[in-house]
Amino acid sequence: MASSVILMSKNLVVYYSRKGENYFGGSIRSVSKGNTEYVAEYIAEAVGADIFEIETVSEYPEDYMRCTEAAKAELRDGARPELKRTLDSIDGYDNVFICGPCWWGTYPMAVFTFVEGLDWSGKKVFAVMTHEGSGLGSSERDLRKACKGAEIAGSMAISGSQAQSSRKKASDWAKGCLE
């Protein structure tokens, strides 16, 4: 009787998430855990992934409106905010889920600081955005440019106000990505 070997791919979830004041379907409220963090954790749990939080050295303003203006200025200027830590390599991973809030139609610039320094050759990348009406924005196109050599293999948008209750949706989607 022949035995079969099952090769498991190695998965990574990378995310940026805003704590503090967030926009929820027409109102602003303060949260101790950001919307994207919930979704990232659900995905990591579902596919057995390592998880990495992108954190900036300089924090964004606590006030939501001031934060959105800072994010808009970073996008306009093509800024690459300094990160507290990063990864030197993603060589051990086959699949990378890149999660973030949709700020002005794309990921926060800190996400691009993270991805631009890595070798994406042969990786499958999945775009994940939390939003309050803008969906995926240009996230897939922007990742295609920033993650040279990667295959953008799928994407998912989840309303930020639904993020905390999105465990099943996020888990089912992530598992389906790897089938």
C-alpha atoms as a PDB file:
ATOM      1  CA  MET A   1       0.000   0.000   0.000  1.00  0.00           C
ATOM      2  CA  ALA A   2       1.492   3.324  -1.071  1.00  0.00           C
ATOM      3  CA  SER A   3       1.641   6.134   1.406  1.00  0.00           C
ATOM      4  CA  SER A   4       0.984   9.686   0.378  1.00  0.00           C
ATOM      5  CA  VAL A   5       2.734  12.753   1.645  1.00  0.00           C
ATOM      6  CA  ILE A   6       0.688  15.882   2.114  1.00  0.00           C
ATOM      7  CA  LEU A   7       2.696  19.045   1.687  1.00  0.00           C
ATOM      8  CA  MET A   8       1.351  21.924   3.727  1.00  0.00           C
ATOM      9  CA  SER A   9       1.952  25.403   2.426  1.00  0.00           C
ATOM     10  CA  LYS A  10       3.112  28.007   4.881  1.00  0.00           C
ATOM     11  CA  ASN A  11       0.761  30.946   5.385  1.00  0.00           C
ATOM     12  CA  LEU A  12       1.290  34.462   6.691  1.00  0.00           C
ATOM     13  CA  VAL A  13      -1.226  37.142   7.597  1.00  0.00           C
ATOM     14  CA  VAL A  14       0.135  40.695   7.617  1.00  0.00           C
ATOM     15  CA  TYR A  15      -2.104  43.511   8.790  1.00  0.00           C
ATOM     16  CA  TYR A  16      -2.334  47.143   9.740  1.00  0.00           C
ATOM     17  CA  SER A  17      -5.273  48.081  11.965  1.00  0.00           C
ATOM     18  CA  ARG A  18      -6.332  51.321  13.609  1.00  0.00           C
ATOM     19  CA  LYS A  19      -7.248  51.356  17.275  1.00  0.00           C
ATOM     20  CA  GLY A  20      -8.927  54.401  18.779  1.00  0.00           C
ATOM     21  CA  GLU A  21     -11.467  56.467  16.859  1.00  0.00           C
ATOM     22  CA  ASN A  22     -12.968  54.613  13.868  1.00  0.00           C
ATOM     23  CA  TYR A  23     -15.836  55.293  11.506  1.00  0.00           C
ATOM     24  CA  PHE A  24     -18.799  52.911  11.810  1.00  0.00           C
ATOM     25  CA  GLY A  25     -21.634  53.385   9.335  1.00  0.00           C
ATOM     26  CA  GLY A  26     -22.144  57.095   9.849  1.00  0.00           C
ATOM     27  CA  SER A  27     -20.693  57.663  13.294  1.00  0.00           C
ATOM     28  CA  ILE A  28     -17.299  57.779  14.939  1.00  0.00           C
ATOM     29  CA  ARG A  29     -16.570  55.724  18.019  1.00  0.00           C
ATOM     30  CA  SER A  30     -13.477  54.667  19.897  1.00  0.00           C
ATOM     31  CA  VAL A  31     -12.375  51.030  19.894  1.00  0.00           C
ATOM     32  CA  SER A  32      -9.595  49.251  21.751  1.00  0.00           C
ATOM     33  CA  LYS A  33      -9.108  46.789  18.872  1.00  0.00           C
ATOM     34  CA  GLY A  34      -9.192  47.804  15.226  1.00  0.00           C
ATOM     35  CA  ASN A  35     -11.587  46.316  12.688  1.00  0.00           C
ATOM     36  CA  THR A  36      -8.856  44.860  10.483  1.00  0.00           C
ATOM     37  CA  GLU A  37      -7.245  43.144  13.461  1.00  0.00           C
ATOM     38  CA  TYR A  38     -10.389  41.061  13.992  1.00  0.00           C
ATOM     39  CA  VAL A  39     -10.464  39.963  10.355  1.00  0.00           C
ATOM     40  CA  ALA A  40      -6.715  39.216  10.298  1.00  0.00           C
ATOM     41  CA  GLU A  41      -7.018  37.035  13.402  1.00  0.00           C
ATOM     42  CA  TYR A  42      -9.969  35.132  11.934  1.00  0.00           C
ATOM     43  CA  ILE A  43      -8.021  34.417   8.741  1.00  0.00           C
ATOM     44  CA  ALA A  44      -4.864  33.369  10.611  1.00  0.00           C
ATOM     45  CA  GLU A  45      -6.849  31.008  12.824  1.00  0.00           C
ATOM     46  CA  ALA A  46      -8.723  29.507   9.858  1.00  0.00           C
ATOM     47  CA  VAL A  47      -5.626  28.683   7.776  1.00  0.00           C
ATOM     48  CA  GLY A  48      -3.052  28.096  10.503  1.00  0.00           C
ATOM     49  CA  ALA A  49      -1.041  31.179   9.592  1.00  0.00           C
ATOM     50  CA  ASP A  50       1.625  33.163  11.326  1.00  0.00           C
ATOM     51  CA  ILE A  51       0.483  36.735  11.957  1.00  0.00           C
ATOM     52  CA  PHE A  52       2.409  40.006  11.782  1.00  0.00           C
ATOM     53  CA  GLU A  53       1.092  43.429  12.803  1.00  0.00           C
ATOM     54  CA  ILE A  54       2.457  46.442  10.951  1.00  0.00           C
ATOM     55  CA  GLU A  55       3.059  49.278  13.412  1.00  0.00           C
ATOM     56  CA  THR A  56       4.377  52.746  12.631  1.00  0.00           C
ATOM     57  CA  VAL A  57       7.034  54.513  14.689  1.00  0.00           C
ATOM     58  CA  SER A  58       5.017  57.742  14.628  1.00  0.00           C
ATOM     59  CA  GLU A  59       1.430  57.089  15.590  1.00  0.00           C
ATOM     60  CA  TYR A  60      -1.432  58.599  13.646  1.00  0.00           C
ATOM     61  CA  PRO A  61      -3.535  61.258  15.398  1.00  0.00           C
ATOM     62  CA  GLU A  62      -6.080  59.844  17.840  1.00  0.00           C
ATOM     63  CA  ASP A  63      -8.796  62.083  16.387  1.00  0.00           C
ATOM     64  CA  TYR A  64     -10.410  60.284  13.428  1.00  0.00           C
ATOM     65  CA  MET A  65     -10.713  63.343  11.181  1.00  0.00           C
ATOM     66  CA  ARG A  66      -7.108  64.388  11.815  1.00  0.00           C
ATOM     67  CA  CYS A  67      -6.016  60.803  11.097  1.00  0.00           C
ATOM     68  CA  THR A  68      -7.817  60.803   7.747  1.00  0.00           C
ATOM     69  CA  GLU A  69      -6.098  64.055   6.786  1.00  0.00           C
ATOM     70  CA  ALA A  70      -2.692  62.626   7.761  1.00  0.00           C
ATOM     71  CA  ALA A  71      -3.442  59.508   5.685  1.00  0.00           C
ATOM     72  CA  LYS A  72      -4.491  61.659   2.721  1.00  0.00           C
ATOM     73  CA  ALA A  73      -1.244  63.661   2.931  1.00  0.00           C
ATOM     74  CA  GLU A  74       0.815  60.443   3.060  1.00  0.00           C
ATOM     75  CA  LEU A  75      -0.962  59.094  -0.020  1.00  0.00           C
ATOM     76  CA  ARG A  76      -0.530  62.378  -1.907  1.00  0.00           C
ATOM     77  CA  ASP A  77       3.179  62.500  -1.011  1.00  0.00           C
ATOM     78  CA  GLY A  78       3.851  58.802  -1.632  1.00  0.00           C
ATOM     79  CA  ALA A  79       5.108  58.587   1.961  1.00  0.00           C
ATOM     80  CA  ARG A  80       6.575  55.438   3.412  1.00  0.00           C
ATOM     81  CA  PRO A  81       6.195  55.749   7.199  1.00  0.00           C
ATOM     82  CA  GLU A  82       8.919  54.204   9.323  1.00  0.00           C
ATOM     83  CA  LEU A  83       7.889  50.930  10.951  1.00  0.00           C
ATOM     84  CA  LYS A  84       8.646  49.706  14.473  1.00  0.00           C
ATOM     85  CA  ARG A  85       9.711  46.354  13.025  1.00  0.00           C
ATOM     86  CA  THR A  86       9.535  44.451   9.772  1.00  0.00           C
ATOM     87  CA  LEU A  87      10.426  41.070   8.330  1.00  0.00           C
ATOM     88  CA  ASP A  88      13.720  40.567   6.515  1.00  0.00           C
ATOM     89  CA  SER A  89      12.266  37.808   4.377  1.00  0.00           C
ATOM     90  CA  ILE A  90       9.065  35.933   3.574  1.00  0.00           C
ATOM     91  CA  ASP A  91      10.941  33.008   2.020  1.00  0.00           C
ATOM     92  CA  GLY A  92       9.239  30.486   4.306  1.00  0.00           C
ATOM     93  CA  TYR A  93       5.755  31.444   3.135  1.00  0.00           C
ATOM     94  CA  ASP A  94       3.757  30.446   0.061  1.00  0.00           C
ATOM     95  CA  ASN A  95       0.580  32.427   0.761  1.00  0.00           C
ATOM     96  CA  VAL A  96       0.390  35.925   2.217  1.00  0.00           C
ATOM     97  CA  PHE A  97      -2.834  37.649   3.227  1.00  0.00           C
ATOM     98  CA  ILE A  98      -2.332  41.426   3.328  1.00  0.00           C
ATOM     99  CA  CYS A  99      -5.016  43.078   5.433  1.00  0.00           C
ATOM    100  CA  GLY A 100      -5.712  46.736   6.016  1.00  0.00           C
ATOM    101  CA  PRO A 101      -8.351  49.423   6.238  1.00  0.00           C
ATOM    102  CA  CYS A 102      -9.245  51.202   3.010  1.00  0.00           C
ATOM    103  CA  TRP A 103      -7.811  54.693   3.425  1.00  0.00           C
ATOM    104  CA  TRP A 104      -8.484  56.965   0.471  1.00  0.00           C
ATOM    105  CA  GLY A 105      -9.065  53.998  -1.823  1.00  0.00           C
ATOM    106  CA  THR A 106      -6.050  51.864  -0.908  1.00  0.00           C
ATOM    107  CA  TYR A 107      -4.004  50.500   1.964  1.00  0.00           C
ATOM    108  CA  PRO A 108      -2.388  52.806   4.525  1.00  0.00           C
ATOM    109  CA  MET A 109       1.072  53.811   3.280  1.00  0.00           C
ATOM    110  CA  ALA A 110       2.662  51.824   6.129  1.00  0.00           C
ATOM    111  CA  VAL A 111       1.542  48.640   4.350  1.00  0.00           C
ATOM    112  CA  PHE A 112       3.574  49.679   1.305  1.00  0.00           C
ATOM    113  CA  THR A 113       6.586  50.409   3.533  1.00  0.00           C
ATOM    114  CA  PHE A 114       6.327  46.788   4.638  1.00  0.00           C
ATOM    115  CA  VAL A 115       5.754  45.076   1.274  1.00  0.00           C
ATOM    116  CA  GLU A 116       8.162  47.010  -0.930  1.00  0.00           C
ATOM    117  CA  GLY A 117      11.295  45.679   0.721  1.00  0.00           C
ATOM    118  CA  LEU A 118      10.488  41.998   0.251  1.00  0.00           C
ATOM    119  CA  ASP A 119      10.969  39.402  -2.496  1.00  0.00           C
ATOM    120  CA  TRP A 120       7.504  38.319  -3.640  1.00  0.00           C
ATOM    121  CA  SER A 121       8.630  35.910  -6.356  1.00  0.00           C
ATOM    122  CA  GLY A 122       6.376  32.858  -6.498  1.00  0.00           C
ATOM    123  CA  LYS A 123       4.098  33.978  -3.646  1.00  0.00           C
ATOM    124  CA  LYS A 124       0.321  33.998  -3.723  1.00  0.00           C
ATOM    125  CA  VAL A 125      -0.996  37.233  -2.254  1.00  0.00           C
ATOM    126  CA  PHE A 126      -4.543  37.856  -1.068  1.00  0.00           C
ATOM    127  CA  ALA A 127      -5.859  41.408  -0.616  1.00  0.00           C
ATOM    128  CA  VAL A 128      -8.135  42.003   2.362  1.00  0.00           C
ATOM    129  CA  MET A 129      -9.723  45.369   3.098  1.00  0.00           C
ATOM    130  CA  THR A 130     -12.023  46.637   5.809  1.00  0.00           C
ATOM    131  CA  HIS A 131     -14.044  49.652   4.764  1.00  0.00           C
ATOM    132  CA  GLU A 132     -17.222  51.640   5.294  1.00  0.00           C
ATOM    133  CA  GLY A 133     -18.361  51.869   1.697  1.00  0.00           C
ATOM    134  CA  SER A 134     -15.291  51.882  -0.558  1.00  0.00           C
ATOM    135  CA  GLY A 135     -14.867  48.113  -0.845  1.00  0.00           C
ATOM    136  CA  LEU A 136     -11.486  46.983  -2.164  1.00  0.00           C
ATOM    137  CA  GLY A 137     -10.658  50.355  -3.717  1.00  0.00           C
ATOM    138  CA  SER A 138      -7.470  49.993  -5.772  1.00  0.00           C
ATOM    139  CA  SER A 139      -5.899  47.540  -3.310  1.00  0.00           C
ATOM    140  CA  GLU A 140      -5.436  44.693  -5.806  1.00  0.00           C
ATOM    141  CA  ARG A 141      -3.865  46.926  -8.458  1.00  0.00           C
ATOM    142  CA  ASP A 142      -1.638  48.598  -5.878  1.00  0.00           C
ATOM    143  CA  LEU A 143      -0.456  45.249  -4.472  1.00  0.00           C
ATOM    144  CA  ARG A 144       0.237  44.004  -8.004  1.00  0.00           C
ATOM    145  CA  LYS A 145       2.636  46.956  -8.430  1.00  0.00           C
ATOM    146  CA  ALA A 146       4.212  46.711  -4.968  1.00  0.00           C
ATOM    147  CA  CYS A 147       4.562  42.919  -4.680  1.00  0.00           C
ATOM    148  CA  LYS A 148       6.580  42.299  -7.830  1.00  0.00           C
ATOM    149  CA  GLY A 149       6.612  38.632  -8.826  1.00  0.00           C
ATOM    150  CA  ALA A 150       3.566  37.700  -6.733  1.00  0.00           C
ATOM    151  CA  GLU A 151       0.289  36.351  -8.011  1.00  0.00           C
ATOM    152  CA  ILE A 152      -2.623  38.369  -6.644  1.00  0.00           C
ATOM    153  CA  ALA A 153      -4.752  35.288  -6.095  1.00  0.00           C
ATOM    154  CA  GLY A 154      -7.895  36.628  -4.440  1.00  0.00           C
ATOM    155  CA  SER A 155      -9.444  39.447  -2.490  1.00  0.00           C
ATOM    156  CA  MET A 156     -12.111  40.168   0.078  1.00  0.00           C
ATOM    157  CA  ALA A 157     -13.689  43.333   1.430  1.00  0.00           C
ATOM    158  CA  ILE A 158     -15.521  43.417   4.751  1.00  0.00           C
ATOM    159  CA  SER A 159     -17.389  46.374   6.154  1.00  0.00           C
ATOM    160  CA  GLY A 160     -15.526  47.609   9.223  1.00  0.00           C
ATOM    161  CA  SER A 161     -18.762  47.801  11.187  1.00  0.00           C
ATOM    162  CA  GLN A 162     -19.235  44.070  10.421  1.00  0.00           C
ATOM    163  CA  ALA A 163     -15.617  43.051  11.123  1.00  0.00           C
ATOM    164  CA  GLN A 164     -16.073  41.827  14.672  1.00  0.00           C
ATOM    165  CA  SER A 165     -18.914  39.504  13.592  1.00  0.00           C
ATOM    166  CA  SER A 166     -17.202  38.340  10.359  1.00  0.00           C
ATOM    167  CA  ARG A 167     -15.470  35.208  11.692  1.00  0.00           C
ATOM    168  CA  LYS A 168     -17.412  32.756   9.480  1.00  0.00           C
ATOM    169  CA  LYS A 169     -17.211  34.892   6.342  1.00  0.00           C
ATOM    170  CA  ALA A 170     -13.471  35.561   6.739  1.00  0.00           C
ATOM    171  CA  SER A 171     -12.672  31.965   7.721  1.00  0.00           C
ATOM    172  CA  ASP A 172     -14.657  30.375   4.896  1.00  0.00           C
ATOM    173  CA  TRP A 173     -13.143  32.764   2.347  1.00  0.00           C
ATOM    174  CA  ALA A 174      -9.560  32.176   3.556  1.00  0.00           C
ATOM    175  CA  LYS A 175      -9.951  28.382   3.540  1.00  0.00           C
ATOM    176  CA  GLY A 176     -11.379  28.594   0.016  1.00  0.00           C
ATOM    177  CA  CYS A 177      -8.340  30.558  -1.142  1.00  0.00           C
ATOM    178  CA  LEU A 178      -6.083  27.624  -0.311  1.00  0.00           C
ATOM    179  CA  GLU A 179      -8.146  24.822  -1.885  1.00  0.00           C
END
